[in-house]
C-alpha atoms as a PDB file:
ATOM      1  CA  ASN A   1     -21.061  -3.926  19.207  1.00  0.00           C
ATOM      2  CA  PHE A   2     -19.396  -1.482  22.096  1.00  0.00           C
ATOM      3  CA  LYS A   3     -20.910  -4.245  24.648  1.00  0.00           C
ATOM      4  CA  ILE A   4     -19.385  -6.872  24.003  1.00  0.00           C
ATOM      5  CA  ILE A   5     -15.931  -5.513  23.459  1.00  0.00           C
ATOM      6  CA  GLU A   6     -16.316  -3.686  26.760  1.00  0.00           C
ATOM      7  CA  ARG A   7     -16.824  -7.441  27.809  1.00  0.00           C
ATOM      8  CA  TYR A   8     -13.678  -8.542  26.397  1.00  0.00           C
ATOM      9  CA  LEU A   9     -11.798  -5.944  27.103  1.00  0.00           C
ATOM     10  CA  GLN A  10     -12.712  -5.799  30.958  1.00  0.00           C
ATOM     11  CA  TYR A  11     -12.868  -2.027  31.249  1.00  0.00           C
ATOM     12  CA  GLU A  12      -9.191  -1.644  31.064  1.00  0.00           C
ATOM     13  CA  GLY A  13      -8.136  -1.583  27.226  1.00  0.00           C
ATOM     14  CA  LYS A  14      -8.875   1.711  25.263  1.00  0.00           C
ATOM     15  CA  LEU A  15     -11.751   1.550  22.655  1.00  0.00           C
ATOM     16  CA  ILE A  16     -11.790   4.096  19.577  1.00  0.00           C
ATOM     17  CA  GLY A  17     -14.874   4.289  17.844  1.00  0.00           C
ATOM     18  CA  VAL A  18     -14.251   5.664  14.173  1.00  0.00           C
ATOM     19  CA  ASP A  19     -17.032   6.593  11.920  1.00  0.00           C
ATOM     20  CA  ILE A  20     -17.634   9.352   9.097  1.00  0.00           C
ATOM     21  CA  SER A  21     -21.498   9.524  10.491  1.00  0.00           C
ATOM     22  CA  GLN A  22     -22.105  11.495  12.734  1.00  0.00           C
ATOM     23  CA  GLU A  23     -25.296   9.991  13.210  1.00  0.00           C
ATOM     24  CA  SER A  24     -23.849   6.717  14.522  1.00  0.00           C
ATOM     25  CA  LEU A  25     -21.328   8.238  16.769  1.00  0.00           C
ATOM     26  CA  LYS A  26     -24.590  10.050  18.131  1.00  0.00           C
ATOM     27  CA  LEU A  27     -25.763   6.615  18.382  1.00  0.00           C
ATOM     28  CA  ALA A  28     -22.632   5.564  20.137  1.00  0.00           C
ATOM     29  CA  LYS A  29     -21.942   8.712  22.346  1.00  0.00           C
ATOM     30  CA  GLY A  30     -25.924   7.578  23.708  1.00  0.00           C
ATOM     31  CA  LYS A  31     -24.660   4.111  24.442  1.00  0.00           C
ATOM     32  CA  VAL A  32     -21.314   5.258  26.511  1.00  0.00           C
ATOM     33  CA  LEU A  33     -23.068   7.589  28.414  1.00  0.00           C
ATOM     34  CA  LYS A  34     -25.685   5.118  29.271  1.00  0.00           C
ATOM     35  CA  ASN A  35     -23.123   2.479  30.148  1.00  0.00           C
ATOM     36  CA  ARG A  36     -20.992   4.809  31.626  1.00  0.00           C
ATOM     37  CA  TRP A  37     -17.715   3.673  29.569  1.00  0.00           C
ATOM     38  CA  LYS A  38     -14.844   5.765  30.450  1.00  0.00           C
ATOM     39  CA  ASN A  39     -12.673   4.130  28.316  1.00  0.00           C
ATOM     40  CA  VAL A  40     -14.246   4.734  25.018  1.00  0.00           C
ATOM     41  CA  LYS A  41     -12.994   7.620  22.339  1.00  0.00           C
ATOM     42  CA  LEU A  42     -15.431   8.744  19.353  1.00  0.00           C
ATOM     43  CA  VAL A  43     -13.840   9.610  16.390  1.00  0.00           C
ATOM     44  CA  ASN A  44     -15.511  11.440  13.251  1.00  0.00           C
ATOM     45  CA  ASN A  45     -13.459  10.387  10.542  1.00  0.00           C
ATOM     46  CA  SER A  46     -12.985   7.965   7.630  1.00  0.00           C
ATOM     47  CA  ILE A  47     -11.028   5.051   8.489  1.00  0.00           C
ATOM     48  CA  ILE A  48      -8.742   5.817   5.222  1.00  0.00           C
ATOM     49  CA  ASP A  49      -8.301   9.163   6.528  1.00  0.00           C
ATOM     50  CA  TYR A  50      -7.450   8.594  10.257  1.00  0.00           C
ATOM     51  CA  LYS A  51      -3.950   9.033  11.700  1.00  0.00           C
ATOM     52  CA  PRO A  52      -3.813   7.900  15.364  1.00  0.00           C
ATOM     53  CA  GLY A  53      -0.032   7.364  16.053  1.00  0.00           C
ATOM     54  CA  ILE A  54      -0.513   4.164  17.617  1.00  0.00           C
ATOM     55  CA  LEU A  55      -0.900   0.646  16.308  1.00  0.00           C
ATOM     56  CA  PHE A  56      -4.384  -1.308  17.149  1.00  0.00           C
ATOM     57  CA  ASP A  57      -4.076  -5.289  18.790  1.00  0.00           C
ATOM     58  CA  ALA A  58      -7.353  -5.435  17.136  1.00  0.00           C
ATOM     59  CA  ILE A  59      -9.905  -3.737  14.636  1.00  0.00           C
ATOM     60  CA  LEU A  60     -13.886  -4.383  13.906  1.00  0.00           C
ATOM     61  CA  CYS A  61     -15.297  -2.570  10.618  1.00  0.00           C
ATOM     62  CA  THR A  62     -18.838  -3.190  10.602  1.00  0.00           C
ATOM     63  CA  TYR A  63     -18.850  -1.236   6.750  1.00  0.00           C
ATOM     64  CA  ALA A  64     -16.459   0.114   4.333  1.00  0.00           C
ATOM     65  CA  LYS A  65     -17.262   2.113   1.113  1.00  0.00           C
ATOM     66  CA  ASP A  66     -14.290   2.099  -0.393  1.00  0.00           C
ATOM     67  CA  TYR A  67     -12.952  -1.294   1.389  1.00  0.00           C
ATOM     68  CA  LYS A  68      -9.519  -1.914  -0.592  1.00  0.00           C
ATOM     69  CA  LEU A  69      -8.656   1.559   0.799  1.00  0.00           C
ATOM     70  CA  ALA A  70      -9.990   0.615   4.607  1.00  0.00           C
ATOM     71  CA  ILE A  71      -8.603  -2.780   4.389  1.00  0.00           C
ATOM     72  CA  ASP A  72      -4.900  -1.665   3.200  1.00  0.00           C
ATOM     73  CA  LYS A  73      -5.605   1.373   6.324  1.00  0.00           C
ATOM     74  CA  ILE A  74      -6.875  -1.167   8.698  1.00  0.00           C
ATOM     75  CA  PHE A  75      -3.791  -3.334   7.917  1.00  0.00           C
ATOM     76  CA  ASP A  76      -1.244  -0.833   8.290  1.00  0.00           C
ATOM     77  CA  LEU A  77      -2.717   0.221  11.605  1.00  0.00           C
ATOM     78  CA  LEU A  78      -2.916  -2.946  13.365  1.00  0.00           C
ATOM     79  CA  LYS A  79       0.343  -4.621  15.436  1.00  0.00           C
ATOM     80  CA  PRO A  80       2.016  -7.920  14.648  1.00  0.00           C
ATOM     81  CA  ASN A  81      -0.883 -10.373  15.134  1.00  0.00           C
ATOM     82  CA  GLY A  82      -3.515  -8.196  15.249  1.00  0.00           C
ATOM     83  CA  ARG A  83      -7.013  -9.442  14.952  1.00  0.00           C
ATOM     84  CA  PHE A  84      -9.021  -7.797  12.418  1.00  0.00           C
ATOM     85  CA  SER A  85     -12.797  -8.904  12.204  1.00  0.00           C
ATOM     86  CA  MET A  86     -15.391  -7.724   9.852  1.00  0.00           C
ATOM     87  CA  ILE A  87     -19.346  -7.454   9.634  1.00  0.00           C
ATOM     88  CA  GLY A  88     -20.705  -7.053   6.050  1.00  0.00           C
ATOM     89  CA  MET A  89     -23.801  -7.168   3.772  1.00  0.00           C
ATOM     90  CA  LYS A  90     -23.294  -9.680   0.582  1.00  0.00           C
ATOM     91  CA  LEU A  91     -26.160 -11.605  -1.507  1.00  0.00           C
ATOM     92  CA  SER A  92     -26.910 -15.149  -0.751  1.00  0.00           C
ATOM     93  CA  SER A  93     -25.595 -18.229  -2.260  1.00  0.00           C
ATOM     94  CA  LYS A  94     -27.856 -20.334  -0.258  1.00  0.00           C
ATOM     95  CA  THR A  95     -31.255 -21.945  -1.638  1.00  0.00           C
ATOM     96  CA  PRO A  96     -34.091 -20.728  -1.596  1.00  0.00           C
ATOM     97  CA  TYR A  97     -32.735 -16.947  -0.504  1.00  0.00           C
ATOM     98  CA  LYS A  98     -30.721 -16.862  -3.396  1.00  0.00           C
ATOM     99  CA  TYR A  99     -33.845 -16.361  -5.264  1.00  0.00           C
ATOM    100  CA  LEU A 100     -34.240 -13.037  -3.535  1.00  0.00           C
ATOM    101  CA  ASN A 101     -30.766 -11.367  -4.335  1.00  0.00           C
ATOM    102  CA  PHE A 102     -32.048  -9.271  -7.034  1.00  0.00           C
ATOM    103  CA  ILE A 103     -34.485  -7.525  -4.424  1.00  0.00           C
ATOM    104  CA  MET A 104     -31.767  -7.566  -1.329  1.00  0.00           C
ATOM    105  CA  ASN A 105     -29.488  -6.047  -4.322  1.00  0.00           C
ATOM    106  CA  LYS A 106     -32.020  -3.048  -4.627  1.00  0.00           C
ATOM    107  CA  ILE A 107     -31.889  -2.367  -0.983  1.00  0.00           C
ATOM    108  CA  TYR A 108     -28.370  -2.435  -0.797  1.00  0.00           C
ATOM    109  CA  LYS A 109     -28.333  -0.082  -3.439  1.00  0.00           C
ATOM    110  CA  ILE A 110     -30.885   2.423  -1.623  1.00  0.00           C
ATOM    111  CA  TRP A 111     -28.069   1.821   1.497  1.00  0.00           C
ATOM    112  CA  ASP A 112     -25.357   2.618  -0.829  1.00  0.00           C
ATOM    113  CA  VAL A 113     -24.185  -0.709  -0.551  1.00  0.00           C
ATOM    114  CA  GLU A 114     -21.722  -3.108  -3.046  1.00  0.00           C
ATOM    115  CA  ALA A 115     -22.804  -6.233  -2.437  1.00  0.00           C
ATOM    116  CA  ASN A 116     -21.086  -7.728  -5.790  1.00  0.00           C
ATOM    117  CA  ARG A 117     -17.770  -7.011  -4.642  1.00  0.00           C
ATOM    118  CA  ASP A 118     -14.907  -9.623  -3.784  1.00  0.00           C
ATOM    119  CA  ILE A 119     -14.047  -8.271  -0.293  1.00  0.00           C
ATOM    120  CA  PHE A 120     -12.974 -11.386   0.872  1.00  0.00           C
ATOM    121  CA  LYS A 121     -10.497 -11.802  -2.486  1.00  0.00           C
ATOM    122  CA  TYR A 122      -9.195  -8.597  -1.236  1.00  0.00           C
ATOM    123  CA  ILE A 123      -8.759  -9.452   2.417  1.00  0.00           C
ATOM    124  CA  LEU A 124      -6.728 -13.014   1.796  1.00  0.00           C
ATOM    125  CA  SER A 125      -4.391 -11.159  -0.293  1.00  0.00           C
ATOM    126  CA  LYS A 126      -3.932  -9.078   2.478  1.00  0.00           C
ATOM    127  CA  PHE A 127      -3.853 -10.814   5.234  1.00  0.00           C
ATOM    128  CA  LYS A 128      -2.972 -14.190   3.771  1.00  0.00           C
ATOM    129  CA  ARG A 129      -6.186 -16.954   5.600  1.00  0.00           C
ATOM    130  CA  ILE A 130      -9.351 -16.279   7.152  1.00  0.00           C
ATOM    131  CA  ILE A 131      -9.682 -17.342  10.479  1.00  0.00           C
ATOM    132  CA  TYR A 132     -13.403 -17.468  11.244  1.00  0.00           C
ATOM    133  CA  TYR A 133     -16.190 -17.422   8.703  1.00  0.00           C
ATOM    134  CA  ARG A 134     -19.852 -17.430   9.278  1.00  0.00           C
ATOM    135  CA  GLU A 135     -23.093 -16.679   7.725  1.00  0.00           C
ATOM    136  CA  TYR A 136     -26.342 -15.035   9.411  1.00  0.00           C
ATOM    137  CA  PHE A 137     -29.649 -13.951   7.983  1.00  0.00           C
ATOM    138  CA  TYR A 138     -30.267 -16.636   5.598  1.00  0.00           C
ATOM    139  CA  GLY A 139     -26.716 -15.928   3.955  1.00  0.00           C
ATOM    140  CA  PHE A 140     -27.058 -12.135   3.219  1.00  0.00           C
ATOM    141  CA  TYR A 141     -24.470 -10.964   6.332  1.00  0.00           C
ATOM    142  CA  TYR A 142     -20.946 -12.778   7.110  1.00  0.00           C
ATOM    143  CA  ILE A 143     -19.108 -12.013  10.053  1.00  0.00           C
ATOM    144  CA  LEU A 144     -15.374 -13.084   9.591  1.00  0.00           C
ATOM    145  CA  ASN A 145     -11.647 -12.496  11.463  1.00  0.00           C
ATOM    146  CA  THR A 146      -8.505 -13.165  10.142  1.00  0.00           C
ATOM    147  CA  SER A 147      -5.039 -11.752  11.866  1.00  0.00           C
ATOM    148  CA  LYS A 148      -1.814  -9.939  10.200  1.00  0.00           C
ATOM    149  CA  MET A 149       0.379 -12.660  10.268  1.00  0.00           C
ATOM    150  CA  ILE A 150       4.138 -11.435  10.982  1.00  0.00           C
END
């Protein structure tokens, strides 16, 4: 995700990667060093506990186990009109792939992912709209985008 964000920032803005996983941060650090990005800061913390002391123009979330607390925190960390994007996993509603939901749910549980959560409803309750939504990988993954309305 960093490469796409770096292109958007034009190497001028600041990119802060917050993750609770040491392994994910180790991989991210390797990409930062390989690409010689000077504007990236990596933080080992939960987004829920993160206290940056600033507000953000945009936040990308790729997974949050306690999604309600994470979305509440993300909402609080965004500037007015700030953008929020999320990439997540879900069960498919597409035929014939929905018949694989039983298997995918087992796989998600191995990864400690709760696929039956109603994250869209909660995002709508906070942000009041979803600007962009698209499903990928036969409906098992999604990308959504919204903004903090003032």
